[in-house]
N, C-alpha and C. Protein backbone atom coordinates (compact mmCIF):
# COMPACT_ATOMS: atom_id res chain seq x y z
N MET A 1 95.61 -48.88 23.06
CA MET A 1 95.08 -49.56 21.88
C MET A 1 95.54 -51.01 21.83
N VAL A 2 96.84 -51.23 22.01
CA VAL A 2 97.37 -52.59 21.92
C VAL A 2 96.81 -53.46 23.03
N ASP A 3 96.70 -52.92 24.24
CA ASP A 3 96.18 -53.71 25.37
C ASP A 3 94.70 -54.07 25.18
N THR A 4 93.89 -53.08 24.82
CA THR A 4 92.44 -53.29 24.81
C THR A 4 91.91 -53.87 23.51
N GLN A 5 92.58 -53.60 22.39
CA GLN A 5 92.06 -54.04 21.10
C GLN A 5 92.82 -55.20 20.49
N ILE A 6 94.08 -55.36 20.87
CA ILE A 6 94.92 -56.37 20.22
C ILE A 6 95.15 -57.56 21.13
N ARG A 7 95.79 -57.35 22.27
CA ARG A 7 96.06 -58.45 23.20
C ARG A 7 94.78 -59.15 23.66
N ARG A 8 93.80 -58.36 24.06
CA ARG A 8 92.59 -58.94 24.64
C ARG A 8 91.75 -59.69 23.60
N ARG A 9 92.05 -59.49 22.32
CA ARG A 9 91.29 -60.19 21.28
C ARG A 9 92.08 -61.34 20.69
N GLY A 10 93.19 -61.71 21.36
CA GLY A 10 93.83 -62.97 21.02
C GLY A 10 95.11 -62.91 20.22
N ILE A 11 95.62 -61.72 19.93
CA ILE A 11 96.91 -61.62 19.24
C ILE A 11 98.01 -61.86 20.28
N VAL A 12 98.85 -62.88 20.04
CA VAL A 12 99.83 -63.28 21.05
C VAL A 12 101.27 -63.16 20.58
N ASP A 13 101.50 -62.97 19.29
CA ASP A 13 102.87 -62.85 18.78
C ASP A 13 103.53 -61.61 19.38
N GLN A 14 104.55 -61.80 20.18
CA GLN A 14 105.17 -60.69 20.90
C GLN A 14 105.82 -59.68 19.96
N ARG A 15 106.35 -60.14 18.86
CA ARG A 15 106.97 -59.20 17.91
C ARG A 15 105.92 -58.32 17.24
N VAL A 16 104.75 -58.87 16.98
CA VAL A 16 103.65 -58.07 16.44
C VAL A 16 103.22 -57.02 17.45
N LEU A 17 103.04 -57.44 18.68
CA LEU A 17 102.61 -56.52 19.74
C LEU A 17 103.64 -55.41 19.96
N GLN A 18 104.92 -55.76 19.96
CA GLN A 18 105.97 -54.76 20.16
C GLN A 18 106.01 -53.77 19.00
N ALA A 19 105.84 -54.26 17.78
CA ALA A 19 105.84 -53.37 16.62
C ALA A 19 104.67 -52.40 16.69
N MET A 20 103.50 -52.90 17.07
CA MET A 20 102.32 -52.04 17.14
C MET A 20 102.41 -51.05 18.29
N GLU A 21 103.12 -51.42 19.34
CA GLU A 21 103.36 -50.47 20.43
C GLU A 21 104.34 -49.36 20.01
N HIS A 22 105.24 -49.70 19.12
CA HIS A 22 106.29 -48.75 18.73
C HIS A 22 105.83 -47.77 17.65
N VAL A 23 104.98 -48.23 16.74
CA VAL A 23 104.56 -47.39 15.61
C VAL A 23 103.36 -46.55 16.02
N ALA A 24 103.52 -45.24 16.02
CA ALA A 24 102.45 -44.32 16.44
C ALA A 24 101.42 -44.16 15.32
N ARG A 25 100.22 -44.66 15.53
CA ARG A 25 99.20 -44.67 14.48
C ARG A 25 98.75 -43.27 14.09
N HIS A 26 98.78 -42.33 15.02
CA HIS A 26 98.27 -40.99 14.70
C HIS A 26 99.10 -40.28 13.64
N ILE A 27 100.34 -40.71 13.46
CA ILE A 27 101.20 -40.10 12.44
C ILE A 27 100.69 -40.41 11.04
N PHE A 28 99.90 -41.46 10.91
CA PHE A 28 99.51 -41.96 9.59
C PHE A 28 98.10 -41.57 9.17
N VAL A 29 97.40 -40.78 9.98
CA VAL A 29 96.04 -40.39 9.63
C VAL A 29 95.99 -38.89 9.36
N PRO A 30 94.96 -38.41 8.62
CA PRO A 30 94.81 -36.97 8.40
C PRO A 30 94.65 -36.22 9.72
N ASP A 31 95.02 -34.96 9.71
CA ASP A 31 94.98 -34.15 10.94
C ASP A 31 93.62 -34.20 11.62
N GLU A 32 92.54 -34.14 10.82
CA GLU A 32 91.20 -34.10 11.41
C GLU A 32 90.81 -35.43 12.07
N SER A 33 91.56 -36.50 11.77
CA SER A 33 91.25 -37.81 12.33
C SER A 33 92.15 -38.19 13.51
N ILE A 34 93.10 -37.32 13.86
CA ILE A 34 94.03 -37.64 14.95
C ILE A 34 93.32 -37.99 16.26
N PRO A 35 92.24 -37.29 16.64
CA PRO A 35 91.55 -37.67 17.89
C PRO A 35 91.02 -39.10 17.88
N ASP A 36 90.79 -39.66 16.69
CA ASP A 36 90.24 -41.01 16.57
C ASP A 36 91.29 -42.03 16.13
N ALA A 37 92.56 -41.63 16.15
CA ALA A 37 93.61 -42.47 15.57
C ALA A 37 93.73 -43.83 16.24
N TYR A 38 93.40 -43.92 17.51
CA TYR A 38 93.57 -45.19 18.24
C TYR A 38 92.23 -45.87 18.53
N ALA A 39 91.18 -45.45 17.81
CA ALA A 39 89.87 -46.05 17.97
C ALA A 39 89.83 -47.42 17.29
N ASP A 40 88.87 -48.24 17.68
CA ASP A 40 88.72 -49.59 17.16
C ASP A 40 87.93 -49.57 15.85
N SER A 41 88.47 -48.88 14.86
CA SER A 41 87.75 -48.75 13.59
C SER A 41 88.72 -48.28 12.50
N PRO A 42 88.36 -48.55 11.23
CA PRO A 42 89.15 -47.99 10.13
C PRO A 42 88.87 -46.49 10.02
N LEU A 43 89.76 -45.77 9.36
CA LEU A 43 89.61 -44.34 9.16
C LEU A 43 89.95 -43.98 7.72
N GLY A 44 89.26 -42.97 7.17
CA GLY A 44 89.57 -42.51 5.83
C GLY A 44 90.92 -41.82 5.79
N ILE A 45 91.65 -42.03 4.68
CA ILE A 45 92.96 -41.38 4.51
C ILE A 45 93.01 -40.58 3.20
N GLY A 46 91.84 -40.41 2.55
CA GLY A 46 91.79 -39.71 1.27
C GLY A 46 91.85 -40.67 0.11
N GLU A 47 91.50 -40.18 -1.07
CA GLU A 47 91.52 -40.97 -2.31
C GLU A 47 90.59 -42.19 -2.22
N GLY A 48 89.56 -42.09 -1.34
CA GLY A 48 88.63 -43.20 -1.19
C GLY A 48 89.20 -44.41 -0.48
N GLN A 49 90.34 -44.24 0.20
CA GLN A 49 91.03 -45.36 0.86
C GLN A 49 90.96 -45.22 2.37
N THR A 50 91.33 -46.28 3.07
CA THR A 50 91.26 -46.28 4.53
C THR A 50 92.53 -46.86 5.15
N ILE A 51 92.75 -46.50 6.41
CA ILE A 51 93.72 -47.20 7.25
C ILE A 51 92.91 -48.23 8.02
N SER A 52 93.35 -49.47 8.01
CA SER A 52 92.57 -50.56 8.57
C SER A 52 92.40 -50.45 10.09
N GLN A 53 91.34 -51.05 10.58
CA GLN A 53 91.11 -51.21 12.02
C GLN A 53 92.35 -51.82 12.66
N PRO A 54 92.80 -51.30 13.81
CA PRO A 54 94.02 -51.82 14.43
C PRO A 54 94.03 -53.33 14.62
N TYR A 55 92.90 -53.91 15.06
CA TYR A 55 92.87 -55.36 15.28
C TYR A 55 93.14 -56.12 13.99
N ILE A 56 92.59 -55.65 12.87
CA ILE A 56 92.79 -56.33 11.60
C ILE A 56 94.26 -56.24 11.18
N VAL A 57 94.90 -55.10 11.42
CA VAL A 57 96.33 -54.98 11.15
C VAL A 57 97.10 -56.00 11.98
N GLY A 58 96.77 -56.11 13.26
CA GLY A 58 97.44 -57.08 14.13
C GLY A 58 97.20 -58.50 13.69
N LEU A 59 95.95 -58.82 13.33
CA LEU A 59 95.62 -60.17 12.90
C LEU A 59 96.35 -60.55 11.62
N MET A 60 96.32 -59.67 10.61
CA MET A 60 96.98 -59.97 9.35
C MET A 60 98.48 -60.13 9.53
N THR A 61 99.05 -59.29 10.37
CA THR A 61 100.50 -59.36 10.61
C THR A 61 100.86 -60.66 11.31
N GLU A 62 100.08 -61.05 12.30
CA GLU A 62 100.35 -62.30 13.01
C GLU A 62 100.19 -63.51 12.08
N MET A 63 99.21 -63.46 11.20
CA MET A 63 98.97 -64.57 10.26
C MET A 63 100.17 -64.82 9.35
N LEU A 64 100.97 -63.78 9.10
CA LEU A 64 102.13 -63.91 8.21
C LEU A 64 103.28 -64.69 8.84
N ARG A 65 103.30 -64.83 10.17
CA ARG A 65 104.36 -65.58 10.87
C ARG A 65 105.74 -65.07 10.42
N LEU A 66 105.98 -63.81 10.69
CA LEU A 66 107.16 -63.13 10.17
C LEU A 66 108.43 -63.49 10.92
N ASP A 67 109.51 -63.49 10.16
CA ASP A 67 110.85 -63.75 10.67
C ASP A 67 111.73 -62.55 10.30
N PRO A 68 112.72 -62.20 11.12
CA PRO A 68 113.57 -61.05 10.80
C PRO A 68 114.32 -61.16 9.47
N THR A 69 114.45 -62.37 8.93
CA THR A 69 115.17 -62.54 7.66
C THR A 69 114.26 -62.42 6.44
N HIS A 70 112.96 -62.27 6.66
CA HIS A 70 112.01 -62.32 5.54
C HIS A 70 112.04 -61.08 4.66
N THR A 71 111.71 -61.29 3.39
CA THR A 71 111.34 -60.21 2.49
C THR A 71 109.84 -60.32 2.27
N VAL A 72 109.17 -59.16 2.30
CA VAL A 72 107.71 -59.13 2.22
C VAL A 72 107.27 -58.21 1.10
N LEU A 73 106.34 -58.68 0.28
CA LEU A 73 105.68 -57.84 -0.71
C LEU A 73 104.35 -57.38 -0.13
N GLU A 74 104.18 -56.07 -0.05
CA GLU A 74 102.92 -55.49 0.41
C GLU A 74 102.22 -54.84 -0.79
N VAL A 75 101.00 -55.25 -1.05
CA VAL A 75 100.20 -54.65 -2.12
C VAL A 75 99.18 -53.73 -1.48
N GLY A 76 99.35 -52.43 -1.71
CA GLY A 76 98.48 -51.43 -1.11
C GLY A 76 99.18 -50.70 0.01
N THR A 77 100.09 -49.78 -0.34
CA THR A 77 100.83 -49.02 0.67
C THR A 77 99.91 -48.17 1.52
N GLY A 78 98.94 -47.53 0.84
CA GLY A 78 98.02 -46.65 1.55
C GLY A 78 98.77 -45.54 2.26
N CYS A 79 98.48 -45.35 3.54
CA CYS A 79 99.15 -44.31 4.33
C CYS A 79 100.50 -44.76 4.87
N GLY A 80 100.79 -46.07 4.77
CA GLY A 80 102.09 -46.58 5.20
C GLY A 80 102.12 -47.17 6.60
N TYR A 81 100.96 -47.25 7.27
CA TYR A 81 100.95 -47.78 8.64
C TYR A 81 101.31 -49.27 8.68
N GLN A 82 100.62 -50.08 7.87
CA GLN A 82 100.96 -51.50 7.82
C GLN A 82 102.40 -51.69 7.35
N THR A 83 102.83 -50.85 6.43
CA THR A 83 104.21 -50.91 5.92
C THR A 83 105.20 -50.74 7.06
N ALA A 84 104.95 -49.76 7.92
CA ALA A 84 105.85 -49.51 9.06
C ALA A 84 105.88 -50.68 10.02
N ILE A 85 104.71 -51.28 10.29
CA ILE A 85 104.65 -52.45 11.18
C ILE A 85 105.52 -53.56 10.60
N LEU A 86 105.39 -53.81 9.30
CA LEU A 86 106.19 -54.85 8.64
C LEU A 86 107.68 -54.52 8.72
N ALA A 87 108.01 -53.26 8.46
CA ALA A 87 109.42 -52.85 8.44
C ALA A 87 110.09 -53.01 9.80
N GLU A 88 109.30 -52.95 10.87
CA GLU A 88 109.82 -53.17 12.21
C GLU A 88 110.24 -54.62 12.42
N MET A 89 109.69 -55.52 11.59
CA MET A 89 109.78 -56.95 11.89
C MET A 89 110.58 -57.78 10.89
N VAL A 90 110.84 -57.25 9.68
CA VAL A 90 111.46 -58.07 8.65
C VAL A 90 112.67 -57.37 8.04
N LYS A 91 113.38 -58.10 7.19
CA LYS A 91 114.58 -57.56 6.54
C LYS A 91 114.24 -56.45 5.56
N THR A 92 113.30 -56.73 4.63
CA THR A 92 112.96 -55.74 3.60
C THR A 92 111.49 -55.84 3.25
N VAL A 93 110.86 -54.67 3.08
CA VAL A 93 109.48 -54.59 2.62
C VAL A 93 109.47 -53.95 1.23
N PHE A 94 108.83 -54.62 0.29
CA PHE A 94 108.62 -54.09 -1.05
C PHE A 94 107.14 -53.74 -1.14
N THR A 95 106.84 -52.45 -1.22
CA THR A 95 105.45 -52.03 -1.15
C THR A 95 105.02 -51.33 -2.43
N VAL A 96 103.82 -51.67 -2.89
CA VAL A 96 103.29 -51.18 -4.17
C VAL A 96 101.95 -50.51 -3.94
N ASP A 97 101.74 -49.35 -4.56
CA ASP A 97 100.42 -48.72 -4.54
C ASP A 97 100.14 -48.14 -5.92
N ILE A 98 98.88 -48.15 -6.28
CA ILE A 98 98.48 -47.69 -7.60
C ILE A 98 98.13 -46.20 -7.64
N ARG A 99 97.99 -45.60 -6.45
CA ARG A 99 97.60 -44.19 -6.36
C ARG A 99 98.81 -43.33 -6.05
N ALA A 100 99.13 -42.43 -6.98
CA ALA A 100 100.35 -41.64 -6.87
C ALA A 100 100.37 -40.77 -5.62
N ILE A 101 99.22 -40.18 -5.28
CA ILE A 101 99.19 -39.28 -4.11
C ILE A 101 99.52 -40.05 -2.84
N LEU A 102 98.92 -41.23 -2.67
CA LEU A 102 99.19 -42.03 -1.48
C LEU A 102 100.61 -42.59 -1.49
N HIS A 103 101.05 -43.04 -2.66
CA HIS A 103 102.41 -43.56 -2.80
C HIS A 103 103.44 -42.52 -2.38
N ASP A 104 103.27 -41.30 -2.90
CA ASP A 104 104.25 -40.24 -2.62
C ASP A 104 104.22 -39.81 -1.16
N SER A 105 103.02 -39.66 -0.60
CA SER A 105 102.94 -39.19 0.79
C SER A 105 103.44 -40.26 1.76
N ALA A 106 103.13 -41.53 1.49
CA ALA A 106 103.61 -42.61 2.36
C ALA A 106 105.13 -42.71 2.29
N ARG A 107 105.68 -42.59 1.10
CA ARG A 107 107.13 -42.66 0.96
C ARG A 107 107.81 -41.54 1.75
N THR A 108 107.29 -40.32 1.60
CA THR A 108 107.85 -39.19 2.32
C THR A 108 107.76 -39.40 3.83
N ARG A 109 106.61 -39.87 4.28
CA ARG A 109 106.37 -40.08 5.71
C ARG A 109 107.31 -41.16 6.27
N LEU A 110 107.40 -42.28 5.60
CA LEU A 110 108.19 -43.40 6.11
C LEU A 110 109.69 -43.10 6.06
N GLU A 111 110.13 -42.42 5.03
CA GLU A 111 111.54 -42.06 4.96
C GLU A 111 111.88 -41.03 6.03
N SER A 112 110.95 -40.12 6.33
CA SER A 112 111.20 -39.13 7.38
C SER A 112 111.27 -39.78 8.76
N LEU A 113 110.60 -40.93 8.90
CA LEU A 113 110.64 -41.67 10.17
C LEU A 113 111.89 -42.53 10.31
N GLY A 114 112.71 -42.56 9.26
CA GLY A 114 113.99 -43.24 9.35
C GLY A 114 114.02 -44.67 8.86
N TYR A 115 112.94 -45.14 8.24
CA TYR A 115 112.93 -46.51 7.73
C TYR A 115 113.79 -46.59 6.47
N SER A 116 114.78 -47.48 6.51
CA SER A 116 115.68 -47.65 5.37
C SER A 116 115.55 -49.01 4.71
N ASN A 117 114.62 -49.83 5.20
CA ASN A 117 114.45 -51.18 4.66
C ASN A 117 113.14 -51.33 3.88
N ILE A 118 112.64 -50.21 3.34
CA ILE A 118 111.41 -50.23 2.55
C ILE A 118 111.72 -49.75 1.14
N ARG A 119 111.25 -50.50 0.16
CA ARG A 119 111.35 -50.08 -1.24
C ARG A 119 109.94 -49.83 -1.77
N PHE A 120 109.80 -48.78 -2.57
CA PHE A 120 108.48 -48.31 -2.99
C PHE A 120 108.32 -48.43 -4.50
N ARG A 121 107.10 -48.74 -4.92
CA ARG A 121 106.79 -48.78 -6.35
C ARG A 121 105.37 -48.25 -6.57
N LEU A 122 105.22 -47.44 -7.61
CA LEU A 122 103.91 -46.99 -8.07
C LEU A 122 103.49 -47.91 -9.21
N GLY A 123 102.38 -48.62 -9.04
CA GLY A 123 101.94 -49.52 -10.10
C GLY A 123 100.79 -50.40 -9.67
N ASP A 124 100.42 -51.31 -10.56
CA ASP A 124 99.30 -52.23 -10.36
C ASP A 124 99.74 -53.38 -9.46
N GLY A 125 99.15 -53.46 -8.29
CA GLY A 125 99.52 -54.49 -7.34
C GLY A 125 99.25 -55.90 -7.81
N HIS A 126 98.30 -56.09 -8.74
CA HIS A 126 98.04 -57.43 -9.28
C HIS A 126 99.30 -58.02 -9.91
N GLU A 127 100.19 -57.15 -10.40
CA GLU A 127 101.39 -57.60 -11.09
C GLU A 127 102.56 -57.86 -10.13
N GLY A 128 102.42 -57.43 -8.88
CA GLY A 128 103.48 -57.66 -7.90
C GLY A 128 104.74 -56.89 -8.24
N TRP A 129 105.89 -57.54 -8.01
CA TRP A 129 107.20 -56.91 -8.23
C TRP A 129 108.16 -58.02 -8.64
N SER A 130 108.04 -58.47 -9.87
CA SER A 130 108.69 -59.70 -10.31
C SER A 130 110.21 -59.64 -10.23
N GLU A 131 110.79 -58.45 -10.44
CA GLU A 131 112.25 -58.35 -10.43
C GLU A 131 112.85 -58.68 -9.07
N CYS A 132 112.06 -58.53 -8.02
CA CYS A 132 112.57 -58.75 -6.67
C CYS A 132 112.05 -60.04 -6.04
N ALA A 133 111.29 -60.81 -6.81
CA ALA A 133 110.77 -62.09 -6.33
C ALA A 133 111.89 -63.13 -6.32
N PRO A 134 111.74 -64.22 -5.56
CA PRO A 134 110.54 -64.59 -4.80
C PRO A 134 110.51 -63.95 -3.42
N PHE A 135 109.29 -63.80 -2.91
CA PHE A 135 109.07 -63.20 -1.60
C PHE A 135 108.71 -64.29 -0.58
N ASP A 136 109.18 -64.09 0.63
CA ASP A 136 108.82 -65.02 1.71
C ASP A 136 107.36 -64.88 2.11
N ARG A 137 106.88 -63.64 2.06
CA ARG A 137 105.51 -63.35 2.46
C ARG A 137 104.90 -62.29 1.53
N VAL A 138 103.59 -62.36 1.37
CA VAL A 138 102.84 -61.36 0.61
C VAL A 138 101.63 -60.96 1.44
N VAL A 139 101.37 -59.67 1.54
CA VAL A 139 100.17 -59.19 2.21
C VAL A 139 99.48 -58.18 1.31
N VAL A 140 98.18 -58.34 1.15
CA VAL A 140 97.38 -57.48 0.29
C VAL A 140 96.37 -56.75 1.16
N THR A 141 96.30 -55.43 1.02
CA THR A 141 95.46 -54.63 1.92
C THR A 141 94.27 -54.01 1.20
N ALA A 142 93.85 -54.64 0.10
CA ALA A 142 92.61 -54.28 -0.60
C ALA A 142 91.99 -55.58 -1.09
N ALA A 143 90.67 -55.57 -1.26
CA ALA A 143 89.97 -56.80 -1.60
C ALA A 143 90.07 -57.13 -3.08
N ALA A 144 90.63 -58.30 -3.39
CA ALA A 144 90.74 -58.77 -4.76
C ALA A 144 89.52 -59.64 -5.11
N ARG A 145 89.20 -59.71 -6.38
CA ARG A 145 88.10 -60.58 -6.81
C ARG A 145 88.49 -62.05 -6.66
N GLN A 146 89.78 -62.31 -6.86
CA GLN A 146 90.35 -63.64 -6.64
C GLN A 146 91.82 -63.46 -6.30
N VAL A 147 92.45 -64.51 -5.84
CA VAL A 147 93.87 -64.41 -5.51
C VAL A 147 94.64 -64.21 -6.82
N PRO A 148 95.36 -63.09 -6.98
CA PRO A 148 96.05 -62.82 -8.25
C PRO A 148 97.13 -63.85 -8.57
N PRO A 149 97.07 -64.49 -9.74
CA PRO A 149 98.06 -65.52 -10.10
C PRO A 149 99.50 -65.01 -10.09
N ARG A 150 99.71 -63.76 -10.49
CA ARG A 150 101.07 -63.22 -10.52
C ARG A 150 101.67 -63.14 -9.12
N LEU A 151 100.84 -62.91 -8.13
CA LEU A 151 101.35 -62.87 -6.76
C LEU A 151 101.71 -64.26 -6.27
N ILE A 152 100.93 -65.24 -6.67
CA ILE A 152 101.27 -66.62 -6.32
C ILE A 152 102.60 -67.02 -6.94
N GLU A 153 102.81 -66.65 -8.20
CA GLU A 153 104.06 -66.96 -8.90
C GLU A 153 105.26 -66.39 -8.17
N GLN A 154 105.08 -65.23 -7.55
CA GLN A 154 106.20 -64.52 -6.93
C GLN A 154 106.45 -64.91 -5.47
N MET A 155 105.68 -65.88 -4.97
CA MET A 155 105.89 -66.38 -3.61
C MET A 155 106.96 -67.48 -3.61
N ARG A 156 107.77 -67.49 -2.59
CA ARG A 156 108.73 -68.57 -2.39
C ARG A 156 107.99 -69.84 -1.97
N PHE A 157 108.51 -71.01 -2.33
CA PHE A 157 107.92 -72.26 -1.87
C PHE A 157 107.89 -72.26 -0.34
N GLY A 158 106.75 -72.59 0.21
CA GLY A 158 106.57 -72.52 1.65
C GLY A 158 106.13 -71.15 2.13
N GLY A 159 105.99 -70.21 1.19
CA GLY A 159 105.61 -68.85 1.54
C GLY A 159 104.13 -68.71 1.86
N LEU A 160 103.79 -67.60 2.50
CA LEU A 160 102.41 -67.32 2.91
C LEU A 160 101.94 -66.01 2.31
N MET A 161 100.65 -65.95 2.00
CA MET A 161 100.01 -64.72 1.58
C MET A 161 98.75 -64.52 2.41
N VAL A 162 98.53 -63.28 2.86
CA VAL A 162 97.30 -62.90 3.54
C VAL A 162 96.59 -61.90 2.65
N ILE A 163 95.33 -62.20 2.30
CA ILE A 163 94.64 -61.38 1.31
C ILE A 163 93.13 -61.41 1.54
N PRO A 164 92.47 -60.25 1.50
CA PRO A 164 91.00 -60.24 1.52
C PRO A 164 90.48 -60.50 0.10
N VAL A 165 89.48 -61.36 -0.01
CA VAL A 165 88.93 -61.73 -1.32
C VAL A 165 87.42 -61.60 -1.27
N GLY A 166 86.83 -61.04 -2.35
CA GLY A 166 85.39 -60.93 -2.44
C GLY A 166 84.97 -59.54 -2.88
N ASN A 167 83.68 -59.24 -2.70
CA ASN A 167 83.16 -57.94 -3.09
C ASN A 167 82.09 -57.49 -2.10
N ALA A 168 81.62 -56.26 -2.31
CA ALA A 168 80.67 -55.66 -1.36
C ALA A 168 79.33 -56.36 -1.37
N VAL A 169 78.96 -56.97 -2.49
CA VAL A 169 77.66 -57.61 -2.61
C VAL A 169 77.66 -58.99 -1.97
N GLU A 170 78.63 -59.82 -2.34
CA GLU A 170 78.68 -61.20 -1.86
C GLU A 170 79.45 -61.34 -0.55
N GLY A 171 80.14 -60.27 -0.15
CA GLY A 171 80.92 -60.32 1.07
C GLY A 171 82.38 -60.62 0.81
N GLN A 172 83.22 -60.34 1.78
CA GLN A 172 84.66 -60.56 1.67
C GLN A 172 85.13 -61.46 2.82
N VAL A 173 86.19 -62.20 2.56
CA VAL A 173 86.77 -63.05 3.58
C VAL A 173 88.29 -62.89 3.55
N LEU A 174 88.89 -62.88 4.72
CA LEU A 174 90.35 -62.83 4.81
C LEU A 174 90.88 -64.25 4.64
N ARG A 175 91.79 -64.42 3.69
CA ARG A 175 92.31 -65.75 3.38
C ARG A 175 93.80 -65.85 3.66
N LEU A 176 94.19 -67.03 4.11
CA LEU A 176 95.59 -67.37 4.28
C LEU A 176 95.96 -68.36 3.19
N VAL A 177 96.91 -67.97 2.34
CA VAL A 177 97.32 -68.78 1.20
C VAL A 177 98.73 -69.30 1.45
N THR A 178 98.90 -70.60 1.35
CA THR A 178 100.21 -71.23 1.52
C THR A 178 100.63 -71.86 0.20
N LYS A 179 101.84 -71.55 -0.26
CA LYS A 179 102.35 -72.11 -1.52
C LYS A 179 103.26 -73.28 -1.20
N SER A 180 102.90 -74.46 -1.70
CA SER A 180 103.69 -75.65 -1.40
C SER A 180 104.72 -75.93 -2.48
N SER A 181 104.31 -75.88 -3.75
CA SER A 181 105.25 -76.10 -4.86
C SER A 181 104.61 -75.61 -6.14
N GLY A 182 105.43 -75.11 -7.06
CA GLY A 182 104.88 -74.61 -8.31
C GLY A 182 103.78 -73.61 -8.05
N LEU A 183 102.59 -73.85 -8.63
CA LEU A 183 101.43 -73.02 -8.37
C LEU A 183 100.46 -73.71 -7.42
N ALA A 184 100.91 -74.81 -6.79
CA ALA A 184 100.05 -75.52 -5.84
C ALA A 184 99.90 -74.70 -4.57
N ILE A 185 98.66 -74.45 -4.18
CA ILE A 185 98.41 -73.62 -3.01
C ILE A 185 97.33 -74.25 -2.13
N ASP A 186 97.41 -73.90 -0.86
CA ASP A 186 96.38 -74.26 0.10
C ASP A 186 95.75 -72.96 0.58
N ILE A 187 94.41 -72.90 0.61
CA ILE A 187 93.71 -71.68 0.98
C ILE A 187 92.81 -71.95 2.18
N LYS A 188 92.94 -71.10 3.20
CA LYS A 188 92.07 -71.19 4.37
C LYS A 188 91.35 -69.86 4.56
N ASP A 189 90.04 -69.92 4.72
CA ASP A 189 89.25 -68.74 5.06
C ASP A 189 89.35 -68.50 6.56
N ILE A 190 89.65 -67.25 6.94
CA ILE A 190 89.88 -66.94 8.36
C ILE A 190 88.69 -66.21 8.98
N VAL A 191 88.43 -64.99 8.55
CA VAL A 191 87.32 -64.22 9.12
C VAL A 191 86.69 -63.34 8.03
N PRO A 192 85.41 -63.01 8.18
CA PRO A 192 84.81 -62.03 7.28
C PRO A 192 85.44 -60.65 7.53
N VAL A 193 85.62 -59.89 6.45
CA VAL A 193 86.24 -58.56 6.55
C VAL A 193 85.56 -57.61 5.59
N ARG A 194 85.93 -56.35 5.68
CA ARG A 194 85.47 -55.35 4.71
C ARG A 194 86.64 -54.45 4.35
N PHE A 195 87.09 -54.53 3.10
CA PHE A 195 88.18 -53.71 2.59
C PHE A 195 87.72 -52.96 1.35
N VAL A 196 88.42 -51.88 1.03
CA VAL A 196 88.18 -51.21 -0.24
C VAL A 196 88.61 -52.16 -1.36
N PRO A 197 87.99 -52.06 -2.54
CA PRO A 197 88.34 -52.98 -3.62
C PRO A 197 89.70 -52.69 -4.23
N MET A 198 90.36 -53.73 -4.66
CA MET A 198 91.63 -53.62 -5.36
C MET A 198 91.35 -53.24 -6.82
N THR A 199 92.11 -52.29 -7.35
CA THR A 199 91.91 -51.86 -8.72
C THR A 199 93.17 -52.11 -9.54
N SER A 200 92.98 -52.28 -10.87
CA SER A 200 94.13 -52.46 -11.75
C SER A 200 94.19 -51.36 -12.80
N ASN A 201 93.30 -50.38 -12.69
CA ASN A 201 93.24 -49.29 -13.65
C ASN A 201 94.00 -48.09 -13.10
N ILE A 202 95.22 -47.89 -13.59
CA ILE A 202 96.07 -46.82 -13.05
C ILE A 202 95.46 -45.45 -13.33
N GLU A 203 94.92 -45.24 -14.54
CA GLU A 203 94.34 -43.95 -14.87
C GLU A 203 93.14 -43.66 -13.98
N GLU A 204 92.31 -44.70 -13.74
CA GLU A 204 91.14 -44.53 -12.89
C GLU A 204 91.57 -44.23 -11.45
N ALA A 205 92.64 -44.86 -11.01
CA ALA A 205 93.13 -44.66 -9.64
C ALA A 205 93.66 -43.25 -9.43
N GLN A 206 94.17 -42.64 -10.49
CA GLN A 206 94.72 -41.29 -10.36
C GLN A 206 93.64 -40.24 -10.47
């Protein structure tokens, strides 16, 4: 998977490649999807959610320009695959999901794999995790209508955010957000993408 889908498509960060080689993707998908775990496509994980296409995981991770000293806020734990990739590369991952079933199963899975540098929260990802801010990096794994202001507030100056923005009708784009000072940000559109929509309704999510 890493050779044919990641390296050959231009991902060059060696730490990203090593993390993706180390984390077994089949552990994070439902049993019926294990034969397709390393395919070049997203897969359903239940609750109307997906595990992203491997290349997109590699691209988003590389865009973050991660350092071993970084703290990262991840919005959208999902099955925990992206969380594990991040945990291989940084000091601490703070991950938030709004769906209790996914939150609980990902936590159980990641803790059983021995990750001790991940903190978990059940809640609305739009609100981030203010008590543990500022974060060096933020990654969002569901499509927001716009870049959430609370997440910008919780970024460290010079920090980066990778986030899909848009909707199914008008289309979505993966954006790289750089915070220079205060709420001043620079936004670059990277590639068109398709993600499940980000929700803020906890009752609806359950």
